[in-house]
N, C-alpha and C. Protein backbone atom coordinates (compact mmCIF):
# COMPACT_ATOMS: atom_id res chain seq x y z
N MET A 1 29.19 -9.90 9.06
CA MET A 1 29.12 -8.28 8.08
C MET A 1 30.12 -8.81 6.48
N LEU A 2 31.38 -9.82 6.78
CA LEU A 2 31.93 -10.02 5.50
C LEU A 2 30.52 -11.33 5.17
N LYS A 3 29.56 -12.27 5.77
CA LYS A 3 29.24 -12.28 4.46
C LYS A 3 28.66 -12.08 3.98
N SER A 4 27.85 -10.60 4.50
CA SER A 4 26.90 -9.77 3.91
C SER A 4 27.67 -9.23 2.46
N VAL A 5 28.60 -9.50 3.13
CA VAL A 5 29.76 -8.20 1.87
C VAL A 5 29.69 -9.40 0.50
N GLU A 6 30.35 -10.32 0.81
CA GLU A 6 29.60 -11.80 -0.10
C GLU A 6 29.25 -12.59 -0.75
N SER A 7 27.50 -11.55 -0.09
CA SER A 7 26.32 -12.04 -0.65
C SER A 7 25.76 -11.52 -1.87
N LEU A 8 26.28 -9.92 -0.78
CA LEU A 8 25.98 -8.29 -2.22
C LEU A 8 26.54 -8.82 -3.38
N ASP A 9 28.36 -9.57 -3.46
CA ASP A 9 29.00 -9.42 -4.40
C ASP A 9 28.61 -10.75 -5.26
N LEU A 10 27.94 -11.42 -5.07
CA LEU A 10 27.25 -12.64 -5.75
C LEU A 10 26.35 -11.70 -6.75
N ARG A 11 25.28 -11.64 -5.50
CA ARG A 11 23.98 -10.76 -6.43
C ARG A 11 24.55 -9.91 -7.51
N PHE A 12 25.21 -9.13 -7.01
CA PHE A 12 25.75 -7.96 -7.88
C PHE A 12 25.89 -9.11 -9.19
N PHE A 13 26.95 -9.82 -8.85
CA PHE A 13 27.96 -10.49 -10.13
C PHE A 13 27.11 -11.39 -10.99
N PHE A 14 26.66 -11.72 -10.90
CA PHE A 14 25.53 -12.64 -11.43
C PHE A 14 24.28 -11.42 -11.92
N PHE A 15 23.82 -10.91 -11.17
CA PHE A 15 23.08 -9.49 -11.76
C PHE A 15 23.91 -8.72 -13.24
N TRP A 16 24.49 -8.63 -12.89
CA TRP A 16 25.51 -8.07 -14.04
C TRP A 16 25.79 -8.39 -15.19
N ARG A 17 26.07 -10.07 -15.07
CA ARG A 17 26.80 -11.04 -15.77
C ARG A 17 25.44 -11.52 -16.79
N ARG A 18 24.91 -11.30 -16.20
CA ARG A 18 23.13 -12.00 -17.30
C ARG A 18 22.73 -11.19 -18.41
N HIS A 19 23.79 -9.79 -18.73
CA HIS A 19 22.69 -8.61 -19.59
C HIS A 19 24.23 -9.08 -20.26
N SER A 20 23.76 -8.85 -21.34
CA SER A 20 24.74 -8.44 -22.48
C SER A 20 25.19 -7.41 -23.18
N PHE A 21 26.04 -7.85 -24.14
CA PHE A 21 26.39 -6.85 -25.17
C PHE A 21 26.54 -7.05 -26.36
N SER A 22 25.97 -5.80 -27.89
CA SER A 22 26.05 -7.07 -28.64
C SER A 22 28.04 -6.62 -28.63
N ALA A 23 28.24 -7.48 -29.83
CA ALA A 23 29.37 -8.31 -30.42
C ALA A 23 30.55 -7.11 -30.55
N GLY A 24 29.82 -5.65 -31.34
CA GLY A 24 30.35 -4.73 -31.76
C GLY A 24 30.55 -3.94 -30.18
N MET A 25 29.96 -4.11 -29.24
CA MET A 25 29.77 -3.24 -28.18
C MET A 25 30.84 -3.83 -27.33
N ASP A 26 30.61 -4.94 -27.10
CA ASP A 26 31.55 -5.84 -25.99
C ASP A 26 33.30 -5.65 -26.62
N LYS A 27 33.95 -5.91 -27.60
CA LYS A 27 34.93 -5.40 -28.48
C LYS A 27 35.11 -3.93 -27.95
N PHE A 28 34.37 -3.21 -28.02
CA PHE A 28 34.68 -1.33 -27.83
C PHE A 28 34.59 -1.66 -26.20
N LEU A 29 34.21 -1.84 -25.51
CA LEU A 29 34.01 -2.20 -24.28
C LEU A 29 35.30 -2.87 -23.39
N ARG A 30 35.89 -3.66 -24.07
CA ARG A 30 36.92 -4.50 -23.53
C ARG A 30 38.20 -3.89 -24.31
N LEU A 31 38.28 -2.64 -25.50
CA LEU A 31 39.08 -1.92 -25.88
C LEU A 31 38.87 -0.77 -24.67
N TYR A 32 38.38 -0.45 -23.99
CA TYR A 32 37.88 0.68 -23.28
C TYR A 32 37.87 0.34 -21.83
N THR A 33 38.02 -1.06 -21.17
CA THR A 33 38.59 -1.03 -20.59
C THR A 33 40.26 -0.98 -20.12
N ARG A 34 40.73 -1.65 -21.39
CA ARG A 34 42.18 -1.76 -21.44
C ARG A 34 43.00 0.03 -21.17
N MET A 35 42.40 0.89 -21.47
CA MET A 35 42.16 2.10 -21.37
C MET A 35 42.79 2.01 -20.34
N GLY A 36 42.38 2.21 -18.48
CA GLY A 36 42.66 1.75 -17.77
C GLY A 36 43.55 1.27 -17.68
N ASP A 37 44.60 0.41 -18.53
CA ASP A 37 46.07 0.29 -17.83
C ASP A 37 46.78 1.54 -17.66
N GLY A 38 46.30 2.87 -17.77
CA GLY A 38 47.26 3.99 -18.10
C GLY A 38 47.60 4.36 -19.56
N TYR A 39 47.36 3.49 -20.50
CA TYR A 39 47.45 4.07 -21.90
C TYR A 39 46.45 5.88 -21.73
N VAL A 40 45.15 5.65 -21.64
CA VAL A 40 44.24 7.29 -21.78
C VAL A 40 45.38 8.41 -20.75
N TRP A 41 46.13 8.06 -20.10
CA TRP A 41 46.67 9.13 -19.73
C TRP A 41 47.73 9.79 -20.51
N ALA A 42 48.13 8.92 -21.30
CA ALA A 42 49.15 10.19 -22.41
C ALA A 42 48.55 11.41 -22.72
N LEU A 43 46.83 10.74 -23.59
CA LEU A 43 45.66 11.42 -24.12
C LEU A 43 45.94 12.85 -23.12
N VAL A 44 45.62 12.20 -21.77
CA VAL A 44 45.10 13.79 -20.66
C VAL A 44 46.34 14.60 -20.76
N ILE A 45 47.35 13.49 -20.70
CA ILE A 45 48.46 15.10 -20.93
C ILE A 45 48.60 15.58 -22.10
N ALA A 46 48.49 14.92 -23.29
CA ALA A 46 48.96 15.77 -24.61
C ALA A 46 47.54 17.02 -24.06
N TYR A 47 46.28 16.75 -23.87
CA TYR A 47 45.28 17.15 -24.12
C TYR A 47 45.22 19.00 -23.23
N ILE A 48 45.50 18.51 -21.82
CA ILE A 48 46.05 19.31 -20.63
C ILE A 48 47.73 20.59 -21.64
N TYR A 49 48.24 20.19 -22.22
CA TYR A 49 49.34 21.15 -22.68
C TYR A 49 48.75 21.74 -24.07
N PHE A 50 48.55 21.10 -24.22
CA PHE A 50 47.91 22.24 -25.39
C PHE A 50 46.93 22.21 -25.46
N PHE A 51 45.79 22.45 -24.57
CA PHE A 51 44.32 23.36 -23.74
C PHE A 51 44.84 24.11 -22.64
N TYR A 52 45.78 24.04 -22.10
CA TYR A 52 46.28 24.65 -20.95
C TYR A 52 47.70 25.29 -20.42
N GLY A 53 48.47 24.51 -21.13
CA GLY A 53 50.09 24.86 -21.40
C GLY A 53 50.78 23.92 -19.94
N LYS A 54 51.84 23.90 -20.69
CA LYS A 54 53.12 23.24 -19.72
C LYS A 54 52.86 23.60 -18.12
N ILE A 55 52.60 25.09 -17.76
CA ILE A 55 53.04 25.52 -16.72
C ILE A 55 51.38 24.38 -15.65
N VAL A 56 50.23 24.56 -16.42
CA VAL A 56 48.94 24.22 -15.62
C VAL A 56 49.61 22.73 -15.80
N LEU A 57 49.91 21.82 -16.64
CA LEU A 57 50.93 20.48 -16.37
C LEU A 57 51.42 20.04 -15.48
N PHE A 58 52.67 20.62 -15.65
CA PHE A 58 53.62 20.58 -14.51
C PHE A 58 53.23 20.89 -12.98
N GLY A 59 52.70 21.45 -12.74
CA GLY A 59 51.44 21.60 -11.39
C GLY A 59 50.52 21.00 -11.27
N ILE A 60 49.79 19.99 -12.39
CA ILE A 60 49.31 19.16 -12.06
C ILE A 60 50.07 17.39 -11.38
N VAL A 61 50.87 17.55 -12.60
CA VAL A 61 51.79 16.69 -12.01
C VAL A 61 52.51 16.76 -10.95
N GLU A 62 53.00 17.67 -10.29
CA GLU A 62 53.48 17.51 -9.61
C GLU A 62 52.42 17.55 -8.00
N ARG A 63 50.93 17.79 -8.87
CA ARG A 63 50.19 16.91 -7.57
C ARG A 63 49.74 16.27 -7.58
N VAL A 64 50.07 15.31 -8.26
CA VAL A 64 49.90 13.90 -8.65
C VAL A 64 50.23 12.68 -8.17
N ILE A 65 51.88 13.75 -8.12
CA ILE A 65 52.23 12.12 -7.44
C ILE A 65 53.06 12.01 -6.01
N PRO A 66 52.52 12.76 -5.24
CA PRO A 66 51.79 12.68 -4.01
C PRO A 66 50.68 11.61 -3.99
N ALA A 67 50.21 11.90 -4.70
CA ALA A 67 48.30 11.25 -4.83
C ALA A 67 49.31 9.50 -4.92
N LEU A 68 49.52 9.59 -6.23
CA LEU A 68 49.78 8.25 -7.24
C LEU A 68 50.75 7.42 -5.73
N LEU A 69 52.09 7.80 -5.33
CA LEU A 69 52.53 7.39 -4.36
C LEU A 69 51.44 6.39 -3.54
N LEU A 70 50.88 7.20 -2.79
CA LEU A 70 50.12 7.18 -1.70
C LEU A 70 49.01 5.82 -2.19
N SER A 71 48.20 5.71 -3.45
CA SER A 71 47.42 4.74 -3.54
C SER A 71 48.19 3.41 -4.04
N LEU A 72 49.39 3.50 -4.93
CA LEU A 72 50.58 2.83 -4.97
C LEU A 72 50.91 1.70 -3.55
N PHE A 73 51.04 2.79 -2.90
CA PHE A 73 51.46 2.20 -1.09
C PHE A 73 50.46 1.06 -0.87
N PHE A 74 49.42 2.31 -0.49
CA PHE A 74 48.03 1.78 -0.28
C PHE A 74 48.24 -0.06 -1.13
N TYR A 75 47.47 0.37 -2.04
CA TYR A 75 47.12 -0.75 -3.40
C TYR A 75 47.95 -1.76 -2.59
N TRP A 76 49.12 -2.25 -3.15
CA TRP A 76 50.30 -3.23 -2.31
C TRP A 76 49.79 -3.45 -1.16
N LEU A 77 49.86 -2.94 -0.13
CA LEU A 77 50.05 -3.28 0.99
C LEU A 77 48.67 -4.14 1.40
N ILE A 78 47.58 -3.18 0.76
CA ILE A 78 46.30 -3.89 0.92
C ILE A 78 46.20 -5.54 -0.09
N LYS A 79 46.51 -5.43 -1.50
CA LYS A 79 46.43 -6.49 -1.84
C LYS A 79 46.74 -7.59 -1.67
N LEU A 80 48.80 -7.35 -0.96
CA LEU A 80 48.86 -8.25 -0.65
C LEU A 80 48.74 -8.95 0.83
N SER A 81 47.90 -8.01 1.56
CA SER A 81 47.39 -8.45 3.15
C SER A 81 46.40 -9.20 2.72
N ILE A 82 45.37 -8.82 1.89
CA ILE A 82 44.20 -9.89 1.70
C ILE A 82 44.10 -10.61 1.05
N ARG A 83 44.62 -10.85 -0.25
CA ARG A 83 44.71 -11.64 -1.01
C ARG A 83 43.69 -12.85 -1.15
N ARG A 84 42.80 -11.78 -1.78
CA ARG A 84 41.77 -11.69 -2.63
C ARG A 84 41.32 -12.68 -4.04
N LYS A 85 40.69 -13.61 -3.86
CA LYS A 85 40.45 -14.54 -4.80
C LYS A 85 39.66 -13.95 -5.86
N ARG A 86 40.03 -13.70 -7.16
CA ARG A 86 39.09 -13.50 -8.16
C ARG A 86 37.88 -14.16 -8.57
N PRO A 87 36.55 -13.51 -9.04
CA PRO A 87 35.37 -14.46 -8.95
C PRO A 87 35.91 -15.29 -10.86
N PHE A 88 36.65 -15.25 -11.18
CA PHE A 88 37.04 -16.21 -12.40
C PHE A 88 37.92 -17.53 -11.60
N GLU A 89 38.63 -16.98 -10.39
CA GLU A 89 39.35 -18.48 -9.93
C GLU A 89 38.48 -19.15 -8.77
N LEU A 90 37.39 -17.87 -8.00
CA LEU A 90 36.49 -19.45 -7.59
C LEU A 90 35.13 -19.93 -7.51
N LEU A 91 34.65 -19.08 -9.05
CA LEU A 91 33.66 -19.68 -10.30
C LEU A 91 33.84 -19.95 -11.21
N LYS A 92 33.74 -21.26 -10.94
CA LYS A 92 33.78 -22.64 -12.35
C LYS A 92 33.64 -22.06 -13.92
N GLU A 93 32.69 -21.60 -13.64
CA GLU A 93 32.04 -21.06 -14.87
C GLU A 93 32.12 -19.93 -15.29
N VAL A 94 32.73 -19.13 -14.56
CA VAL A 94 33.62 -17.79 -14.85
C VAL A 94 34.86 -17.78 -15.50
N SER A 95 35.53 -17.05 -16.80
CA SER A 95 36.24 -16.75 -17.14
C SER A 95 36.84 -15.46 -17.52
N ALA A 96 37.99 -15.27 -16.66
CA ALA A 96 38.33 -13.79 -16.86
C ALA A 96 38.37 -13.60 -18.82
N ASP A 97 38.01 -12.45 -18.87
CA ASP A 97 37.57 -12.16 -20.24
C ASP A 97 38.40 -10.58 -20.77
N VAL A 98 39.19 -10.57 -19.47
CA VAL A 98 39.98 -9.00 -20.03
C VAL A 98 40.81 -10.01 -18.68
N PRO A 99 42.29 -8.84 -19.72
CA PRO A 99 43.31 -9.77 -18.27
C PRO A 99 43.89 -9.03 -17.05
N PRO A 100 43.77 -9.77 -15.92
CA PRO A 100 43.78 -9.15 -14.75
C PRO A 100 45.92 -8.35 -14.60
N LEU A 101 46.01 -7.99 -14.32
CA LEU A 101 47.22 -7.48 -14.35
C LEU A 101 48.01 -7.62 -12.83
N ASP A 102 47.49 -8.51 -12.29
CA ASP A 102 48.11 -9.48 -11.53
C ASP A 102 47.53 -10.34 -10.64
N LYS A 103 48.08 -10.45 -9.62
CA LYS A 103 47.12 -12.52 -8.83
C LYS A 103 45.86 -12.10 -8.37
N TYR A 104 45.97 -10.63 -7.44
CA TYR A 104 44.67 -10.65 -6.05
C TYR A 104 43.99 -9.33 -6.74
N SER A 105 42.11 -9.82 -5.96
CA SER A 105 41.23 -8.72 -6.23
C SER A 105 40.49 -7.35 -5.93
N PHE A 106 41.39 -7.66 -4.26
CA PHE A 106 40.75 -5.90 -3.48
C PHE A 106 42.02 -5.47 -3.49
N PRO A 107 41.95 -4.84 -3.56
CA PRO A 107 41.15 -3.24 -4.10
C PRO A 107 41.37 -3.30 -6.13
N SER A 108 40.10 -2.86 -6.53
CA SER A 108 40.57 -2.44 -7.60
C SER A 108 41.61 -1.55 -8.60
N GLY A 109 42.73 -1.56 -8.50
CA GLY A 109 43.62 -1.35 -9.14
C GLY A 109 42.82 0.19 -9.73
N HIS A 110 42.68 -0.81 -10.86
CA HIS A 110 42.31 -0.12 -12.28
C HIS A 110 41.19 1.02 -11.81
N THR A 111 40.38 1.12 -10.44
CA THR A 111 39.38 2.39 -10.41
C THR A 111 40.61 3.27 -9.13
N MET A 112 41.02 2.22 -7.87
CA MET A 112 42.22 3.34 -7.59
C MET A 112 42.91 4.31 -7.66
N ASN A 113 43.76 3.18 -8.42
CA ASN A 113 45.07 3.98 -8.71
C ASN A 113 44.36 5.20 -9.90
N ASN A 114 43.61 4.89 -10.75
CA ASN A 114 43.08 5.59 -11.95
C ASN A 114 42.49 7.11 -11.22
N LEU A 115 41.66 6.94 -10.36
CA LEU A 115 40.62 7.86 -9.16
C LEU A 115 41.57 8.26 -8.97
N ALA A 116 42.55 8.40 -7.97
CA ALA A 116 43.27 8.66 -7.42
C ALA A 116 44.40 10.09 -8.10
N VAL A 117 44.41 9.49 -9.57
CA VAL A 117 44.91 10.79 -10.50
C VAL A 117 43.94 11.13 -11.07
N GLY A 118 42.67 10.96 -11.45
CA GLY A 118 41.20 11.36 -11.27
C GLY A 118 40.69 12.22 -10.72
N PHE A 119 40.91 12.33 -9.31
CA PHE A 119 40.85 13.12 -8.37
C PHE A 119 41.99 14.58 -8.54
N THR A 120 42.59 14.23 -8.59
CA THR A 120 43.66 15.42 -8.31
C THR A 120 43.59 15.82 -9.72
N VAL A 121 43.37 15.53 -11.31
CA VAL A 121 42.99 16.49 -12.23
C VAL A 121 41.70 17.61 -11.98
N PHE A 122 41.01 16.32 -11.50
CA PHE A 122 39.97 17.16 -11.87
C PHE A 122 39.83 18.22 -10.73
N ALA A 123 40.55 18.37 -9.18
CA ALA A 123 40.92 19.01 -8.75
C ALA A 123 41.69 21.21 -9.39
N GLU A 124 42.23 20.62 -10.41
CA GLU A 124 42.80 21.40 -11.00
C GLU A 124 41.95 22.05 -12.04
N VAL A 125 41.42 20.66 -12.89
CA VAL A 125 40.74 21.27 -14.78
C VAL A 125 39.67 20.17 -14.52
N PRO A 126 38.37 21.27 -13.56
CA PRO A 126 37.48 20.50 -14.09
C PRO A 126 36.90 20.31 -14.49
N ILE A 127 36.87 20.39 -16.15
CA ILE A 127 36.15 21.07 -17.08
C ILE A 127 36.22 19.04 -17.80
N ILE A 128 37.57 18.69 -17.13
CA ILE A 128 38.81 16.98 -17.89
C ILE A 128 38.32 16.46 -16.83
N GLY A 129 38.12 17.01 -15.67
CA GLY A 129 38.35 16.12 -14.59
C GLY A 129 37.24 15.18 -14.16
N TRP A 130 36.20 15.78 -14.74
CA TRP A 130 34.68 15.06 -14.56
C TRP A 130 34.59 13.67 -15.84
N THR A 131 35.66 13.85 -15.87
CA THR A 131 36.14 12.51 -17.45
C THR A 131 36.63 11.79 -16.90
N MET A 132 37.54 12.31 -15.90
CA MET A 132 38.51 11.77 -15.49
C MET A 132 37.56 10.56 -14.16
N LEU A 133 37.50 10.95 -13.35
CA LEU A 133 36.21 10.34 -12.44
C LEU A 133 35.26 9.42 -13.25
N PHE A 134 34.85 10.05 -14.43
CA PHE A 134 34.11 9.12 -14.55
C PHE A 134 34.32 7.36 -15.20
N MET A 135 35.29 7.75 -16.30
CA MET A 135 35.74 6.58 -16.70
C MET A 135 36.82 5.48 -15.57
N PRO A 136 37.67 5.85 -14.27
CA PRO A 136 37.83 4.66 -13.77
C PRO A 136 36.43 3.63 -13.33
N ILE A 137 35.41 5.04 -12.69
CA ILE A 137 34.50 4.17 -11.88
C ILE A 137 33.89 3.18 -13.37
N THR A 138 33.78 3.40 -14.31
CA THR A 138 33.36 2.96 -15.28
C THR A 138 34.03 1.35 -15.04
N TRP A 139 35.14 1.22 -15.75
CA TRP A 139 36.46 0.50 -15.60
C TRP A 139 36.12 -0.71 -15.19
N GLY A 140 35.88 0.44 -13.81
CA GLY A 140 36.09 -1.56 -12.10
C GLY A 140 34.50 -1.70 -12.88
N PHE A 141 33.43 -1.05 -12.73
CA PHE A 141 32.00 -2.11 -12.92
C PHE A 141 32.53 -2.77 -14.17
N LEU A 142 33.12 -2.56 -15.29
CA LEU A 142 33.42 -3.42 -15.99
C LEU A 142 34.00 -4.24 -16.27
N ARG A 143 34.93 -4.25 -15.22
CA ARG A 143 35.65 -5.38 -14.40
C ARG A 143 35.21 -6.67 -14.12
N VAL A 144 33.91 -5.97 -13.16
CA VAL A 144 33.22 -7.11 -12.23
C VAL A 144 32.87 -7.89 -13.59
N TYR A 145 32.20 -7.15 -14.62
CA TYR A 145 31.21 -7.49 -15.81
C TYR A 145 31.99 -8.50 -16.60
N TYR A 146 33.43 -8.41 -16.58
CA TYR A 146 34.18 -9.55 -16.85
C TYR A 146 35.38 -10.14 -16.24
N GLY A 147 34.73 -10.65 -15.18
CA GLY A 147 35.15 -11.52 -14.40
C GLY A 147 36.56 -11.52 -13.43
N VAL A 148 37.14 -10.12 -13.71
CA VAL A 148 38.01 -10.13 -12.72
C VAL A 148 37.91 -9.43 -11.37
N HIS A 149 36.33 -8.94 -11.48
CA HIS A 149 36.72 -8.25 -10.21
C HIS A 149 35.25 -8.54 -9.25
N TRP A 150 34.93 -8.17 -7.60
CA TRP A 150 34.12 -7.70 -7.48
C TRP A 150 33.28 -6.93 -7.07
N LEU A 151 32.33 -6.27 -7.06
CA LEU A 151 31.56 -5.25 -6.54
C LEU A 151 32.40 -4.23 -5.53
N SER A 152 32.24 -4.99 -3.89
CA SER A 152 33.59 -4.74 -3.29
C SER A 152 34.85 -3.86 -3.29
N ASP A 153 35.34 -4.62 -4.60
CA ASP A 153 36.53 -3.99 -4.36
C ASP A 153 36.44 -2.87 -5.51
N VAL A 154 35.59 -2.64 -6.32
CA VAL A 154 35.84 -1.31 -6.80
C VAL A 154 35.21 -0.13 -6.23
N ILE A 155 34.26 -0.49 -5.04
CA ILE A 155 33.47 0.16 -4.41
C ILE A 155 34.87 0.74 -3.03
N GLY A 156 35.78 -0.49 -2.87
CA GLY A 156 37.25 -0.55 -2.36
C GLY A 156 37.87 0.52 -2.97
N GLY A 157 37.69 0.40 -3.92
CA GLY A 157 39.14 1.16 -5.10
C GLY A 157 39.00 2.52 -4.96
N ILE A 158 37.11 3.40 -4.97
CA ILE A 158 36.68 4.01 -5.27
C ILE A 158 37.21 4.93 -3.85
N CYS A 159 36.95 4.15 -2.60
CA CYS A 159 37.03 5.08 -1.12
C CYS A 159 38.89 4.88 -1.00
N LEU A 160 39.61 4.31 -1.21
CA LEU A 160 41.05 4.13 -1.26
C LEU A 160 41.80 5.39 -2.45
N GLY A 161 40.95 5.07 -3.53
CA GLY A 161 41.63 6.20 -4.71
C GLY A 161 41.33 7.71 -3.83
N PHE A 162 39.77 7.76 -3.32
CA PHE A 162 39.80 9.38 -2.70
C PHE A 162 40.69 9.99 -1.27
N LEU A 163 41.15 8.67 -0.55
CA LEU A 163 41.63 8.93 0.09
C LEU A 163 43.40 8.84 0.04
N SER A 164 43.76 8.48 -1.14
CA SER A 164 45.09 8.79 -1.73
C SER A 164 45.23 10.21 -2.33
N PHE A 165 44.07 10.06 -2.89
CA PHE A 165 43.99 12.23 -3.27
C PHE A 165 44.52 13.01 -2.02
N TRP A 166 43.53 13.02 -1.32
CA TRP A 166 43.36 13.37 0.07
C TRP A 166 44.33 13.73 0.60
N LEU A 167 45.27 12.56 0.83
CA LEU A 167 46.45 12.35 2.11
C LEU A 167 47.22 12.76 1.05
N GLY A 168 47.18 12.66 -0.44
CA GLY A 168 48.33 12.96 -1.02
C GLY A 168 48.24 14.65 -1.13
N LYS A 169 47.00 15.02 -1.38
CA LYS A 169 46.99 17.04 -1.23
C LYS A 169 47.69 17.41 0.18
N ILE A 170 47.70 16.91 1.23
CA ILE A 170 47.87 17.02 2.78
C ILE A 170 49.73 16.69 2.64
N VAL A 171 49.92 15.85 1.48
CA VAL A 171 51.21 16.05 2.01
C VAL A 171 51.71 16.65 0.62
N PHE A 172 51.37 17.10 -0.34
CA PHE A 172 51.84 18.41 -1.07
C PHE A 172 52.07 19.91 -0.46
N VAL A 173 50.92 20.30 -0.19
CA VAL A 173 50.79 20.80 0.86
C VAL A 173 52.10 21.42 1.83
N ILE A 174 52.02 20.00 2.89
CA ILE A 174 53.46 20.04 3.23
C ILE A 174 54.81 20.05 2.91
N PHE A 175 54.62 19.35 2.33
CA PHE A 175 55.95 18.99 1.63
C PHE A 175 56.35 20.00 0.37
N TRP A 176 55.57 20.77 -0.31
CA TRP A 176 55.60 21.19 -1.64
C TRP A 176 55.77 22.93 -1.30
N GLN A 177 54.70 22.96 -0.77
CA GLN A 177 54.85 24.80 -0.81
C GLN A 177 54.99 24.96 0.47
């Protein structure tokens, strides 16, 4: 099973890397990908506060906290247990075209942690929640393109982000309500 995942990762990686973007689009996509470092959440907070008010914003923040804490717990537990090398470390012809935020590859934290929050926002404010689901998934795929993740890192991040949201929702109901 592990060999088939590695094979799929390599095939997808090289398929995706064969496609190129114009210089302008590449510059935009690098900036867009960096939004996954957490910068986008300031805009989301401002949007929710401005259009929905502080009561809705504080309600979302209350629900986000357990999901995000669980996501960070799973993230570090799994990342430090598996210690998977990144594509640019294993493939000599590949460089990291965006900076990795930590040493190991699995799971994609950009995907996982942002989706744990994104699913929570989606549950509370679906109109912007769709965007908050779309963005982390595209960030994950772009981080494959830029040599810092494998496809299975992104898929794992999607699954673990949803799991963190779901368990966070249960924790919220048990301890906050």
